[in-house]
């Protein structure tokens, strides 16, 4: 084997020039690379055109454009023709919203009533008078609660104090035409508790529950003794 060192000549830049790539080849290569961005832009435009139907909607969030565009207004309903299912029939909507006819009886006014008084049974020193209110009209009416009851002298002044309330207020009492309701006036028998009796009245004045006008009955009753004068609520 020859061990003599050999000298390698340095390579010049011209040695690495690609074969067959002259100035004309360089120009063709530049033109080819210049066409690449144009092709990319063309592909992007084509893709945008193909996806136009799936582009984001301009509708505000939460709105449904398809439901709005597909909505069909209700067609008018011809006479004798049934309304479409799920829609309101304009021929019957007015009747449906109209208030029901008829109403409950109103409160008995003073003009609708007359009254009478009779003494009930006495027991254990207690005396009860029965005050009856009669509906003299042809229509039913109602009374609820306590009346206002006072004893009146001939000159119109009040004897003692108006009757106090006794017992529960009760329920609504319906009084039919010609019907009646009752109130109980409660006092004590003479001499109970060593108290005196009030002077006898000339009139009994009664305000029906809820009324500011009074009924007046000419009577010397009730005779109030023992300082006890009470009235119950109206009852049937």
Protein backbone atom coordinates (compact mmCIF):
# COMPACT_ATOMS: atom_id res chain seq x y z
CA UNK A 1 0.00 0.00 0.00
CA UNK A 2 1.21 3.51 -0.99
CA UNK A 3 1.37 5.68 2.20
CA UNK A 4 2.44 8.83 0.37
CA UNK A 5 0.16 11.77 1.34
CA UNK A 6 -1.87 13.23 -1.48
CA UNK A 7 -2.77 16.84 -1.94
CA UNK A 8 -6.48 17.61 -2.59
CA UNK A 9 -7.14 20.71 -4.64
CA UNK A 10 -9.66 23.15 -3.12
CA UNK A 11 -13.06 23.29 -4.76
CA UNK A 12 -14.34 26.55 -6.14
CA UNK A 13 -17.88 27.87 -5.90
CA UNK A 14 -18.37 27.04 -9.54
CA UNK A 15 -17.98 23.36 -8.74
CA UNK A 16 -21.38 23.34 -6.82
CA UNK A 17 -23.48 25.00 -9.52
CA UNK A 18 -26.33 22.69 -10.46
CA UNK A 19 -26.02 21.27 -13.86
CA UNK A 20 -28.49 22.56 -16.40
CA UNK A 21 -29.52 25.62 -14.26
CA UNK A 22 -28.57 28.65 -16.18
CA UNK A 23 -30.02 32.19 -16.00
CA UNK A 24 -33.07 31.11 -18.00
CA UNK A 25 -33.79 28.33 -15.51
CA UNK A 26 -33.62 30.78 -12.61
CA UNK A 27 -36.24 33.03 -14.22
CA UNK A 28 -38.58 30.11 -14.80
CA UNK A 29 -38.21 29.06 -11.17
CA UNK A 30 -39.04 32.53 -9.91
CA UNK A 31 -42.21 32.65 -12.01
CA UNK A 32 -43.30 29.27 -10.66
CA UNK A 33 -42.83 30.36 -7.04
CA UNK A 34 -44.67 33.65 -7.71
CA UNK A 35 -47.76 31.71 -8.87
CA UNK A 36 -48.07 29.81 -5.54
CA UNK A 37 -49.59 32.72 -3.46
CA UNK A 38 -52.09 33.41 -6.27
CA UNK A 39 -53.21 29.78 -6.21
CA UNK A 40 -53.57 29.85 -2.43
CA UNK A 41 -55.70 33.00 -2.62
CA UNK A 42 -57.88 31.43 -5.32
CA UNK A 43 -58.43 28.33 -3.19
CA UNK A 44 -59.40 30.49 -0.17
CA UNK A 45 -61.96 32.44 -2.25
CA UNK A 46 -63.42 29.22 -3.64
CA UNK A 47 -63.71 27.73 -0.14
CA UNK A 48 -65.46 30.86 1.12
CA UNK A 49 -67.95 30.62 -1.73
CA UNK A 50 -68.70 26.97 -1.01
CA UNK A 51 -69.28 27.61 2.72
CA UNK A 52 -71.51 30.68 2.28
CA UNK A 53 -74.59 28.77 3.49
CA UNK A 54 -72.84 27.88 6.76
CA UNK A 55 -71.47 31.36 7.47
CA UNK A 56 -72.32 32.93 10.91
CA UNK A 57 -75.76 34.51 11.02
CA UNK A 58 -76.27 38.22 11.57
CA UNK A 59 -79.25 37.49 13.86
CA UNK A 60 -78.83 38.50 17.53
CA UNK A 61 -77.99 35.73 20.01
CA UNK A 62 -80.97 33.69 21.07
CA UNK A 63 -83.06 34.43 17.97
CA UNK A 64 -84.27 31.76 15.55
CA UNK A 65 -84.22 33.03 12.00
CA UNK A 66 -85.55 29.77 10.59
CA UNK A 67 -88.58 29.80 12.92
CA UNK A 68 -89.25 33.44 12.11
CA UNK A 69 -88.91 32.98 8.33
CA UNK A 70 -91.09 29.86 8.35
CA UNK A 71 -93.86 31.41 10.47
CA UNK A 72 -97.15 31.61 8.60
CA UNK A 73 -99.80 34.13 9.77
CA UNK A 74 -103.16 32.69 10.77
CA UNK A 75 -105.51 32.55 7.86
CA UNK A 76 -108.99 34.05 8.30
CA UNK A 77 -111.66 31.51 9.16
CA UNK A 78 -114.66 31.44 6.91
CA UNK A 79 -118.16 31.23 8.45
CA UNK A 80 -119.11 27.63 9.19
CA UNK A 81 -115.51 26.45 8.87
CA UNK A 82 -113.62 25.02 11.91
CA UNK A 83 -110.55 26.84 13.15
CA UNK A 84 -107.15 25.19 12.54
CA UNK A 85 -105.86 23.01 15.35
CA UNK A 86 -103.79 24.90 17.91
CA UNK A 87 -105.15 28.33 16.95
CA UNK A 88 -107.77 30.55 18.57
CA UNK A 89 -111.06 30.86 16.75
CA UNK A 90 -111.78 34.60 16.33
CA UNK A 91 -115.50 33.81 16.29
CA UNK A 92 -115.44 32.49 19.86
CA UNK A 93 -112.64 34.51 21.52
CA UNK A 94 -114.96 37.37 22.45
CA UNK A 95 -117.49 35.02 24.04
CA UNK A 96 -114.77 33.23 25.97
CA UNK A 97 -113.42 36.45 27.51
CA UNK A 98 -116.83 37.90 28.30
CA UNK A 99 -117.74 37.90 32.00
CA UNK A 100 -120.24 35.37 33.19
CA UNK A 101 -123.78 36.60 33.53
CA UNK A 102 -125.43 36.85 36.90
CA UNK A 103 -123.95 37.89 40.24
CA UNK A 104 -124.39 37.26 43.94
CA UNK A 105 -127.02 39.29 45.83
CA UNK A 106 -125.98 42.70 47.07
CA UNK A 107 -126.16 44.05 50.60
CA UNK A 108 -129.61 44.75 52.02
CA UNK A 109 -130.15 48.49 52.11
CA UNK A 110 -132.21 50.24 54.77
CA UNK A 111 -134.95 50.96 52.22
CA UNK A 112 -135.28 47.23 51.52
CA UNK A 113 -135.96 46.29 55.16
CA UNK A 114 -138.61 46.52 57.84
CA UNK A 115 -138.25 45.31 61.45
CA UNK A 116 -140.19 44.08 64.45
CA UNK A 117 -139.32 43.31 68.10
CA UNK A 118 -140.62 40.76 70.56
CA UNK A 119 -139.44 39.65 74.00
CA UNK A 120 -138.07 36.17 74.34
CA UNK A 121 -138.02 33.86 77.33
CA UNK A 122 -136.33 35.05 80.51
CA UNK A 123 -134.11 32.69 82.42
CA UNK A 124 -131.56 32.93 85.23
CA UNK A 125 -132.01 36.68 85.32
CA UNK A 126 -131.21 37.02 81.59
CA UNK A 127 -133.68 38.58 79.16
CA UNK A 128 -133.41 38.24 75.39
CA UNK A 129 -135.41 40.24 72.84
CA UNK A 130 -135.75 38.97 69.29
CA UNK A 131 -135.26 41.66 66.61
CA UNK A 132 -136.46 40.52 63.16
CA UNK A 133 -135.36 42.17 59.90
CA UNK A 134 -137.62 41.48 56.89
CA UNK A 135 -136.70 41.90 53.22
CA UNK A 136 -139.72 43.64 51.69
CA UNK A 137 -138.36 43.67 48.11
CA UNK A 138 -138.69 41.11 45.33
CA UNK A 139 -134.91 40.49 45.17
CA UNK A 140 -132.60 38.63 47.50
CA UNK A 141 -130.03 40.57 49.51
CA UNK A 142 -127.41 39.86 52.17
CA UNK A 143 -126.47 41.02 55.65
CA UNK A 144 -123.21 40.30 57.48
CA UNK A 145 -122.09 41.31 60.95
CA UNK A 146 -123.51 43.41 63.75
CA UNK A 147 -126.17 46.11 63.56
CA UNK A 148 -125.98 49.39 65.45
CA UNK A 149 -128.78 49.55 68.07
CA UNK A 150 -129.77 52.50 70.27
CA UNK A 151 -132.70 53.53 72.51
CA UNK A 152 -134.18 56.90 71.56
CA UNK A 153 -136.36 59.42 73.41
CA UNK A 154 -139.16 61.31 71.74
CA UNK A 155 -136.91 64.35 71.25
CA UNK A 156 -134.34 62.20 69.42
CA UNK A 157 -131.76 62.02 72.19
CA UNK A 158 -130.07 58.71 73.03
CA UNK A 159 -130.80 56.80 76.24
CA UNK A 160 -127.75 55.24 77.84
CA UNK A 161 -125.18 53.76 75.44
CA UNK A 162 -125.54 51.93 72.11
CA UNK A 163 -125.63 48.15 72.35
CA UNK A 164 -122.28 46.38 72.64
CA UNK A 165 -121.39 43.43 70.42
CA UNK A 166 -121.86 39.90 71.72
CA UNK A 167 -120.62 36.69 70.15
CA UNK A 168 -118.98 36.00 66.77
CA UNK A 169 -119.53 38.15 63.67
CA UNK A 170 -121.17 35.25 61.84
CA UNK A 171 -121.36 34.47 58.13
CA UNK A 172 -123.08 36.10 55.21
CA UNK A 173 -126.85 35.77 55.61
CA UNK A 174 -128.86 35.73 52.39
CA UNK A 175 -132.40 37.02 52.80
CA UNK A 176 -134.74 36.06 49.99
CA UNK A 177 -137.68 38.12 48.80
CA UNK A 178 -140.07 38.38 51.75
CA UNK A 179 -137.62 36.46 53.94
CA UNK A 180 -136.15 37.49 57.28
CA UNK A 181 -133.05 37.41 59.49
CA UNK A 182 -132.81 37.88 63.24
CA UNK A 183 -130.75 39.67 65.90
CA UNK A 184 -130.87 38.99 69.64
CA UNK A 185 -130.78 41.89 72.11
CA UNK A 186 -129.51 40.84 75.53
CA UNK A 187 -130.10 42.53 78.92
CA UNK A 188 -130.67 41.58 82.58
CA UNK A 189 -133.85 41.21 84.60
CA UNK A 190 -134.84 44.00 86.92
CA UNK A 191 -133.02 43.96 90.26
CA UNK A 192 -130.13 41.78 89.11
CA UNK A 193 -126.84 42.98 90.59
CA UNK A 194 -128.72 45.68 92.52
CA UNK A 195 -128.53 48.02 89.54
CA UNK A 196 -131.29 50.22 88.25
CA UNK A 197 -132.99 50.07 84.87
CA UNK A 198 -132.75 52.73 82.18
CA UNK A 199 -135.82 54.77 81.37
CA UNK A 200 -138.07 53.21 78.78
CA UNK A 201 -137.44 54.33 75.22
CA UNK A 202 -139.91 55.85 72.81
CA UNK A 203 -138.13 54.46 69.76
CA UNK A 204 -135.69 51.75 68.86
CA UNK A 205 -133.16 52.84 66.25
CA UNK A 206 -131.28 50.18 64.25
CA UNK A 207 -128.57 50.60 61.64
CA UNK A 208 -128.40 47.45 59.46
CA UNK A 209 -124.83 46.11 59.04
CA UNK A 210 -122.90 48.23 56.55
CA UNK A 211 -125.55 50.97 56.37
CA UNK A 212 -125.41 54.60 57.46
CA UNK A 213 -129.17 55.00 57.40
CA UNK A 214 -131.28 53.69 60.27
CA UNK A 215 -134.58 51.94 60.73
CA UNK A 216 -136.81 53.35 63.50
CA UNK A 217 -139.43 51.39 65.39
CA UNK A 218 -141.89 53.01 67.81
CA UNK A 219 -141.78 50.82 70.96
CA UNK A 220 -141.15 51.04 74.76
CA UNK A 221 -138.91 47.98 74.54
CA UNK A 222 -136.41 46.81 75.41
CA UNK A 223 -136.18 47.74 79.05
CA UNK A 224 -132.47 47.71 79.83
CA UNK A 225 -131.45 46.77 83.37
CA UNK A 226 -128.23 45.93 85.13
CA UNK A 227 -126.25 48.16 82.78
CA UNK A 228 -126.14 45.31 80.23
CA UNK A 229 -127.20 46.07 76.64
CA UNK A 230 -125.77 43.78 73.91
CA UNK A 231 -126.58 42.66 70.38
CA UNK A 232 -125.61 39.58 68.43
CA UNK A 233 -124.71 39.49 64.75
CA UNK A 234 -127.35 38.90 62.09
CA UNK A 235 -128.26 35.23 61.58
CA UNK A 236 -130.67 33.37 59.34
